[in-house]
Amino acid sequence: MRELRPDLSLNHGGNGVHAPALPLWRQAQSPRTRDLAWCTLSPPLLESLSDAGNGGAGLARWPAGTLSAWEHWLDQADPAVLPATIAELADGITDALPEEPGRARSLRLGRHAERLLHFALRHAQGLELLAANVPVRRAHGHGIQTLGELDFVWRDQGSGEVVHWEMAAKFYLMVDAGARQPLGLRGFVGPNLVDRLGDKLDHIVRRQLPLARTAEARVLLNRSVDRSEVYLLGWLFYRDGQVPQGLDRLGIAGNHLHGWWSTLDDWFARARQASGTRWCRLPRTGWLSGALLEEGDTEAAESLREALAERFADPHRDHGWRRESPVMLCELEPAGAQAPGWWRERSRGFVVPPGWEDRARGRAIEPSDTVG
C-alpha cells in the first residue's frame, strides 16, 4: 500500500462547511504519525479504577500542557523521523532511530505500542524519561529472581514528582452471561479468548505497579516513586454495536473507543443496507489507528462474505485457528473530494465464527485469574 499524498488537513462537510476536525490518529497522512498519535492522544479505556482495593494506583496523567505541545509537534513532524509502523517492521523496513541502535524490534502489537510511547516520552516537553523496560531482580540463596519489569519511569519537570507507568494496549469483546452472575470487567474477553480485561487490569494493579515501590527498584532507580499509574488504551467491541448502559459503574470511560462484533449473517445483513461504503480485512498490524486505504485495497461486502464463509468452514485439520478466530473488519467511506480514490475508516468490528460466542461466554464465567 502506498502512502497517502493529498492534503487531508481540512475536513470539509458536504455543503462546503468545515466539519469538526478529525483527531490526528485518524486524519494524518502518514501511518507512522497515526499510530504514534493513537498511542498518545486517543481516549483511554478507563475513567476510574472501580476496585477500591487498588493499593493507591491511579490512571495515567500527563503533566499540564504536555499533550497539547506534543500534538502540535507530532502534527508538524516529518514521518521519516518517527518510529516505523509494525507493518513496515514486518516487511523488513528499518528505521534506525538514534535512541535504539541495534535494539530488538518485537512484532507483538503490545510491545510495539510500548515502543511508540517510549519515543513520545523521550521527546515530549515537560517531563524527563528516567527508565524504560527495566527488569527488577532480587537475589536469594538459590540465585537471582526476576520480579518483573518496569515499563516507564519519568519525572514531571514542573512538580518534580517521579511517576511509574505500566502500559497495555488491548482489544476486548463484551459477552453477556444472561441471567447468570454479573461478569463485570471479566465479561470483556480477547478475540482469541486468552485474556480478559478484568484479569489484565488486576495483574497491572496488583503485580506490576507495586514493583516500583520495592527496595530493589528504589536501589535500581536511585530514587523513590511518587505515583504509580495504569496507562491503558485500546478498543472495546459490543454485540452488533449496541453499547450497554452502566459501563460507568465498571470505570469505563464514556468516550472510550468502541466498535461492534457480529456473526457473519448479522454483519452481512447490516452491510447490505450501508450504501456508499467499502470494507477491508484489517490485519493485526493495523489495529491501532484509523485505516486510510486506496480503493484497490478495499472489498465489497458480497465478496468479503464469501471469503469469510470459506475461512470459517476450512476443513483442514491444521487450520483450527482459521475456523475459530474472529476477523477484524473495517467499514470505509470516501475520504473526501480532496483525496479521490481513498477511503477512510468509518467503523470497525469483529465477525465471529460459529460457536465463538458460546466459547467466549464460557471463558468469561471462569473464576478470576491473572494474565501477563
Protein backbone atom coordinates (compact mmCIF):
# COMPACT_ATOMS: atom_id res chain seq x y z
CA MET A 1 0.00 0.00 0.00
CA ARG A 2 1.36 3.40 -0.92
CA GLU A 3 1.23 6.32 1.47
CA LEU A 4 -1.45 8.97 1.08
CA ARG A 5 -0.25 12.20 -0.54
CA PRO A 6 -3.27 14.56 -0.76
CA ASP A 7 -3.61 17.20 1.96
CA LEU A 8 -6.22 16.00 4.47
CA SER A 9 -5.59 18.74 6.99
CA LEU A 10 -9.02 20.23 6.23
CA ASN A 11 -12.12 18.15 6.74
CA HIS A 12 -14.91 19.60 4.61
CA GLY A 13 -18.56 18.82 5.11
CA GLY A 14 -20.75 18.03 2.11
CA ASN A 15 -22.09 21.61 1.98
CA GLY A 16 -18.67 23.20 1.91
CA VAL A 17 -18.73 23.97 5.64
CA HIS A 18 -15.79 22.83 7.70
CA ALA A 19 -16.77 19.78 9.72
CA PRO A 20 -15.15 19.21 13.13
CA ALA A 21 -11.54 18.21 12.62
CA LEU A 22 -10.79 14.52 12.91
CA PRO A 23 -8.27 13.52 15.58
CA LEU A 24 -4.69 13.22 14.40
CA TRP A 25 -4.70 9.44 14.78
CA ARG A 26 -7.47 9.28 12.15
CA GLN A 27 -6.63 12.05 9.70
CA ALA A 28 -2.82 12.18 9.49
CA GLN A 29 -1.45 11.23 6.08
CA SER A 30 1.36 9.02 7.38
CA PRO A 31 0.53 5.73 9.16
CA ARG A 32 3.58 6.39 11.34
CA THR A 33 2.02 9.61 12.57
CA ARG A 34 -1.39 7.99 13.03
CA ASP A 35 -0.03 5.11 15.11
CA LEU A 36 2.09 7.37 17.30
CA ALA A 37 -0.84 9.76 17.76
CA TRP A 38 -3.12 6.86 18.69
CA CYS A 39 -0.72 5.66 21.38
CA THR A 40 -0.50 9.10 22.97
CA LEU A 41 -3.65 11.07 22.09
CA SER A 42 -6.53 8.58 21.77
CA PRO A 43 -9.08 8.33 24.61
CA PRO A 44 -8.24 5.95 27.48
CA LEU A 45 -10.40 2.91 28.14
CA LEU A 46 -10.97 3.77 31.80
CA GLU A 47 -12.02 6.87 33.72
CA SER A 48 -11.63 5.29 37.14
CA LEU A 49 -10.36 2.19 38.89
CA SER A 50 -13.62 0.85 40.29
CA ASP A 51 -11.93 -1.57 42.67
CA ALA A 52 -11.38 0.27 45.96
CA GLY A 53 -8.59 -2.09 46.92
CA ASN A 54 -6.24 -0.85 44.24
CA GLY A 55 -3.33 -0.13 46.55
CA GLY A 56 -3.17 3.57 45.70
CA ALA A 57 -2.81 3.00 41.96
CA GLY A 58 -4.26 5.62 39.62
CA LEU A 59 -4.83 6.25 35.94
CA ALA A 60 -2.15 7.86 33.81
CA ARG A 61 -1.89 11.66 33.97
CA TRP A 62 0.38 13.69 31.72
CA PRO A 63 1.94 16.93 33.01
CA ALA A 64 -0.18 20.01 32.36
CA GLY A 65 0.30 21.31 28.82
CA THR A 66 2.40 18.39 27.67
CA LEU A 67 -0.19 16.75 25.41
CA SER A 68 -1.15 19.92 23.56
CA ALA A 69 2.51 20.70 22.87
CA TRP A 70 3.15 17.10 21.84
CA GLU A 71 0.19 17.06 19.46
CA HIS A 72 1.43 20.24 17.78
CA TRP A 73 4.94 18.79 17.44
CA LEU A 74 3.68 15.49 16.07
CA ASP A 75 1.37 17.18 13.57
CA GLN A 76 4.37 19.05 12.14
CA ALA A 77 6.94 16.24 12.39
CA ASP A 78 8.50 14.62 9.33
CA PRO A 79 7.29 10.98 9.37
CA ALA A 80 10.83 9.92 8.45
CA VAL A 81 11.99 10.77 12.00
CA LEU A 82 9.18 8.74 13.62
CA PRO A 83 9.27 5.03 14.51
CA ALA A 84 8.27 2.66 11.73
CA THR A 85 4.87 1.02 11.87
CA ILE A 86 4.67 -2.63 12.80
CA ALA A 87 3.73 -3.39 9.18
CA GLU A 88 6.96 -1.76 8.00
CA LEU A 89 8.96 -3.75 10.53
CA ALA A 90 7.30 -6.95 9.35
CA ASP A 91 8.31 -6.07 5.78
CA GLY A 92 11.91 -5.50 6.83
CA ILE A 93 11.82 -1.73 6.50
CA THR A 94 14.24 -0.28 9.07
CA ASP A 95 14.10 2.97 10.93
CA ALA A 96 17.43 3.31 12.71
CA LEU A 97 16.43 5.90 15.28
CA PRO A 98 19.35 7.26 17.33
CA GLU A 99 17.86 6.19 20.65
CA GLU A 100 17.54 2.50 19.80
CA PRO A 101 20.60 1.33 17.85
CA GLY A 102 20.54 -2.43 17.46
CA ARG A 103 17.51 -2.75 19.71
CA ALA A 104 15.42 -5.85 19.10
CA ARG A 105 12.18 -4.92 17.36
CA SER A 106 9.36 -7.12 18.57
CA LEU A 107 6.44 -7.52 16.19
CA ARG A 108 3.98 -8.10 19.01
CA LEU A 109 1.33 -5.39 18.95
CA GLY A 110 1.56 -4.63 22.67
CA ARG A 111 5.34 -4.34 22.60
CA HIS A 112 5.15 -2.12 19.56
CA ALA A 113 2.70 0.20 21.34
CA GLU A 114 5.18 0.41 24.24
CA ARG A 115 7.89 1.30 21.76
CA LEU A 116 5.80 4.17 20.44
CA LEU A 117 5.06 5.50 23.92
CA HIS A 118 8.78 5.23 24.71
CA PHE A 119 9.51 7.51 21.75
CA ALA A 120 6.89 10.01 22.92
CA LEU A 121 8.23 10.12 26.47
CA ARG A 122 11.71 10.85 25.12
CA HIS A 123 10.51 13.75 23.00
CA ALA A 124 7.56 15.30 24.85
CA GLN A 125 8.01 18.59 26.70
CA GLY A 126 7.58 18.90 30.45
CA LEU A 127 8.97 15.55 31.50
CA GLU A 128 12.21 13.61 31.70
CA LEU A 129 12.26 9.89 30.98
CA LEU A 130 14.34 8.17 33.68
CA ALA A 131 13.97 4.48 32.86
CA ALA A 132 12.19 2.17 30.43
CA ASN A 133 11.73 -1.60 30.30
CA VAL A 134 13.94 -2.14 33.34
CA PRO A 135 13.95 -5.63 34.91
CA VAL A 136 13.71 -5.72 38.70
CA ARG A 137 15.64 -8.62 40.23
CA ARG A 138 16.07 -10.00 43.74
CA ALA A 139 18.99 -12.07 44.97
CA HIS A 140 18.30 -15.04 47.22
CA GLY A 141 20.03 -18.20 48.35
CA HIS A 142 19.33 -20.03 45.10
CA GLY A 143 20.39 -17.28 42.70
CA ILE A 144 18.67 -14.31 41.10
CA GLN A 145 14.89 -13.99 40.77
CA THR A 146 13.35 -11.59 38.24
CA LEU A 147 10.37 -9.96 39.93
CA GLY A 148 9.14 -8.19 36.82
CA GLU A 149 9.85 -5.22 34.60
CA LEU A 150 9.14 -1.50 34.97
CA ASP A 151 7.67 -0.16 31.75
CA PHE A 152 8.36 3.56 32.23
CA VAL A 153 9.59 5.83 34.99
CA TRP A 154 9.67 9.57 34.35
CA ARG A 155 9.96 12.86 36.24
CA ASP A 156 7.48 15.71 35.96
CA GLN A 157 9.70 18.73 35.39
CA GLY A 158 7.09 21.05 36.85
CA SER A 159 6.20 19.31 40.11
CA GLY A 160 9.32 17.19 40.41
CA GLU A 161 7.22 14.07 41.01
CA VAL A 162 8.58 10.73 39.84
CA VAL A 163 5.93 8.68 38.06
CA HIS A 164 5.80 4.99 37.17
CA TRP A 165 3.61 3.89 34.23
CA GLU A 166 2.61 0.39 33.23
CA MET A 167 1.21 0.36 29.71
CA ALA A 168 -1.14 -2.00 27.87
CA ALA A 169 -2.89 -1.69 24.51
CA LYS A 170 -5.80 -4.15 24.44
CA PHE A 171 -8.82 -5.18 22.36
CA TYR A 172 -11.77 -6.89 24.03
CA LEU A 173 -15.23 -8.10 23.01
CA MET A 174 -18.04 -7.91 25.58
CA VAL A 175 -20.18 -11.01 26.08
CA ASP A 176 -23.32 -11.42 28.16
CA ALA A 177 -23.83 -14.20 30.70
CA GLY A 178 -27.60 -13.72 30.63
CA ALA A 179 -29.25 -14.44 33.95
CA ARG A 180 -26.04 -15.77 35.45
CA GLN A 181 -23.72 -13.92 37.79
CA PRO A 182 -22.67 -10.34 36.87
CA LEU A 183 -19.43 -10.53 34.92
CA GLY A 184 -18.09 -7.01 35.36
CA LEU A 185 -14.81 -6.50 33.55
CA ARG A 186 -14.41 -10.26 33.16
CA GLY A 187 -17.13 -10.04 30.52
CA PHE A 188 -14.65 -8.39 28.15
CA VAL A 189 -12.64 -11.17 26.51
CA GLY A 190 -9.91 -11.09 23.91
CA PRO A 191 -10.79 -12.32 20.42
CA ASN A 192 -8.58 -15.37 20.95
CA LEU A 193 -10.18 -15.98 24.40
CA VAL A 194 -6.79 -16.00 26.13
CA ASP A 195 -7.25 -12.94 28.33
CA ARG A 196 -9.94 -10.76 29.89
CA LEU A 197 -10.00 -7.09 30.79
CA GLY A 198 -10.64 -7.77 34.46
CA ASP A 199 -7.68 -10.12 34.74
CA LYS A 200 -5.35 -7.82 32.85
CA LEU A 201 -6.23 -4.82 34.99
CA ASP A 202 -5.86 -6.86 38.16
CA HIS A 203 -2.42 -8.04 37.04
CA ILE A 204 -1.26 -4.48 36.35
CA VAL A 205 -2.61 -3.01 39.59
CA ARG A 206 -1.68 -5.82 41.99
CA ARG A 207 1.52 -7.17 40.48
CA GLN A 208 3.18 -4.72 38.11
CA LEU A 209 2.63 -1.33 39.74
CA PRO A 210 3.84 -2.38 43.24
CA LEU A 211 7.22 -3.33 41.74
CA ALA A 212 8.30 0.32 41.68
CA ARG A 213 7.94 0.53 45.47
CA THR A 214 10.16 -2.45 46.25
CA ALA A 215 13.56 -1.94 47.81
CA GLU A 216 15.18 -3.45 44.73
CA ALA A 217 13.50 -0.89 42.45
CA ARG A 218 14.50 2.02 44.71
CA VAL A 219 18.12 0.92 44.55
CA LEU A 220 17.90 0.38 40.78
CA LEU A 221 16.36 3.79 40.15
CA ASN A 222 18.32 5.56 42.89
CA ARG A 223 15.09 7.29 43.92
CA SER A 224 11.59 6.65 45.20
CA VAL A 225 8.47 6.73 43.05
CA ASP A 226 5.73 9.22 43.95
CA ARG A 227 2.91 7.87 41.74
CA SER A 228 2.20 4.50 40.10
CA GLU A 229 -0.32 4.64 37.27
CA VAL A 230 -2.06 2.49 34.65
CA TYR A 231 -1.68 3.59 31.03
CA LEU A 232 -4.40 1.52 29.38
CA LEU A 233 -5.79 2.20 25.95
CA GLY A 234 -7.45 0.20 23.20
CA TRP A 235 -10.85 -0.69 21.76
CA LEU A 236 -13.93 -2.40 23.22
CA PHE A 237 -16.43 -4.18 20.96
CA TYR A 238 -20.13 -4.76 21.60
CA ARG A 239 -22.65 -7.18 20.08
CA ASP A 240 -23.92 -5.55 16.86
CA GLY A 241 -22.58 -2.21 18.09
CA GLN A 242 -25.12 -1.86 20.91
CA VAL A 243 -23.28 -0.18 23.80
CA PRO A 244 -24.96 -1.22 27.08
CA GLN A 245 -25.90 1.03 29.98
CA GLY A 246 -23.97 1.06 33.25
CA LEU A 247 -20.43 0.92 31.87
CA ASP A 248 -19.50 3.90 34.05
CA ARG A 249 -20.04 1.69 37.12
CA LEU A 250 -17.22 -0.50 35.81
CA GLY A 251 -14.94 2.52 35.45
CA ILE A 252 -15.10 2.52 31.63
CA ALA A 253 -14.68 6.00 30.14
CA GLY A 254 -17.68 7.49 28.40
CA ASN A 255 -15.58 8.48 25.37
CA HIS A 256 -13.70 5.18 25.02
CA LEU A 257 -13.06 3.82 21.54
CA HIS A 258 -15.57 1.14 20.64
CA GLY A 259 -16.79 -0.96 17.75
CA TRP A 260 -19.05 -3.94 17.09
CA TRP A 261 -18.90 -7.69 16.88
CA SER A 262 -21.38 -9.83 14.96
CA THR A 263 -21.96 -13.22 13.41
CA LEU A 264 -21.33 -13.45 9.69
CA ASP A 265 -25.02 -13.36 8.81
CA ASP A 266 -25.82 -10.44 11.13
CA TRP A 267 -22.90 -8.42 9.83
CA PHE A 268 -23.82 -9.05 6.20
CA ALA A 269 -27.46 -8.08 6.80
CA ARG A 270 -26.30 -4.69 8.08
CA ALA A 271 -23.58 -4.30 5.46
CA ARG A 272 -26.06 -4.72 2.61
CA GLN A 273 -28.04 -1.75 3.93
CA ALA A 274 -24.99 0.53 4.26
CA SER A 275 -24.82 2.33 0.92
CA GLY A 276 -21.66 4.04 -0.26
CA THR A 277 -19.29 2.01 1.90
CA ARG A 278 -16.46 -0.41 1.21
CA TRP A 279 -14.76 -2.91 3.50
CA CYS A 280 -11.37 -4.35 4.32
CA ARG A 281 -9.99 -7.10 6.47
CA LEU A 282 -7.87 -5.23 8.97
CA PRO A 283 -4.65 -7.13 9.75
CA ARG A 284 -3.39 -7.10 13.30
CA THR A 285 -0.65 -4.71 12.23
CA GLY A 286 -3.38 -2.14 11.52
CA TRP A 287 -5.40 -2.47 14.71
CA LEU A 288 -4.05 0.66 16.42
CA SER A 289 -5.04 3.76 14.48
CA GLY A 290 -7.64 4.68 11.89
CA ALA A 291 -7.43 2.97 8.50
CA LEU A 292 -6.85 5.03 5.34
CA LEU A 293 -6.71 2.96 2.13
CA GLU A 294 -6.70 3.18 -1.63
CA GLU A 295 -9.83 1.81 -3.28
CA GLY A 296 -7.83 -1.11 -4.69
CA ASP A 297 -7.17 -2.31 -1.15
CA THR A 298 -10.88 -2.40 -0.26
CA GLU A 299 -13.56 -5.04 -0.83
CA ALA A 300 -17.27 -5.24 -1.47
CA ALA A 301 -19.40 -6.80 1.26
CA GLU A 302 -20.54 -9.64 -1.01
CA SER A 303 -17.06 -10.89 -1.87
CA LEU A 304 -15.93 -10.45 1.70
CA ARG A 305 -18.83 -12.54 2.95
CA GLU A 306 -17.85 -15.39 0.62
CA ALA A 307 -14.23 -15.25 1.77
CA LEU A 308 -15.18 -15.32 5.47
CA ALA A 309 -17.66 -18.17 4.99
CA GLU A 310 -14.92 -20.18 3.28
CA ARG A 311 -12.48 -19.38 6.07
CA PHE A 312 -14.83 -20.40 8.86
CA ALA A 313 -15.59 -23.67 7.05
CA ASP A 314 -11.94 -24.55 6.31
CA PRO A 315 -11.82 -28.36 6.62
CA HIS A 316 -8.06 -28.70 7.02
CA ARG A 317 -7.27 -30.33 10.35
CA ASP A 318 -4.35 -27.96 10.99
CA HIS A 319 -6.42 -24.84 10.32
CA GLY A 320 -8.44 -24.76 13.51
CA TRP A 321 -7.19 -21.24 14.18
CA ARG A 322 -8.75 -20.10 10.88
CA ARG A 323 -12.10 -21.64 11.72
CA GLU A 324 -12.19 -20.40 15.31
CA SER A 325 -10.64 -16.91 15.21
CA PRO A 326 -12.73 -13.74 14.75
CA VAL A 327 -11.70 -11.47 11.89
CA MET A 328 -11.39 -7.70 12.29
CA LEU A 329 -13.22 -5.80 9.55
CA CYS A 330 -13.17 -2.11 8.80
CA GLU A 331 -16.09 -0.25 7.24
CA LEU A 332 -14.82 2.52 4.97
CA GLU A 333 -16.27 5.68 3.46
CA PRO A 334 -14.78 8.06 0.86
CA ALA A 335 -12.02 10.19 2.37
CA GLY A 336 -13.37 13.30 0.63
CA ALA A 337 -13.09 15.34 -2.52
CA GLN A 338 -9.54 16.36 -1.58
CA ALA A 339 -8.44 12.70 -1.69
CA PRO A 340 -10.19 10.99 -4.62
CA GLY A 341 -9.83 7.24 -4.69
CA TRP A 342 -9.04 6.98 -0.96
CA TRP A 343 -11.25 5.51 1.74
CA ARG A 344 -11.25 6.31 5.45
CA GLU A 345 -12.38 4.17 8.39
CA ARG A 346 -15.99 4.69 9.43
CA SER A 347 -16.36 1.82 11.91
CA ARG A 348 -14.57 -1.36 12.87
CA GLY A 349 -15.54 -4.66 14.39
CA PHE A 350 -15.10 -8.40 14.50
CA VAL A 351 -17.02 -11.01 12.57
CA VAL A 352 -17.00 -14.10 14.78
CA PRO A 353 -17.18 -17.72 13.56
CA PRO A 354 -19.91 -20.20 14.51
CA GLY A 355 -19.62 -21.28 18.14
CA TRP A 356 -17.37 -18.41 19.18
CA GLU A 357 -19.99 -16.70 21.35
CA ASP A 358 -20.60 -19.84 23.41
CA ARG A 359 -16.87 -20.37 23.89
CA ALA A 360 -16.42 -16.71 24.85
CA ARG A 361 -19.27 -16.88 27.37
CA GLY A 362 -17.68 -19.97 28.93
CA ARG A 363 -14.37 -18.16 29.17
CA ALA A 364 -15.99 -15.10 30.73
CA ILE A 365 -17.58 -17.01 33.60
CA GLU A 366 -14.42 -18.86 34.58
CA PRO A 367 -13.03 -17.94 38.03
CA SER A 368 -10.79 -14.90 38.14
CA ASP A 369 -7.19 -15.39 37.19
CA THR A 370 -4.27 -13.20 36.26
CA VAL A 371 -2.79 -12.84 32.82
CA GLY A 372 0.57 -11.34 31.99
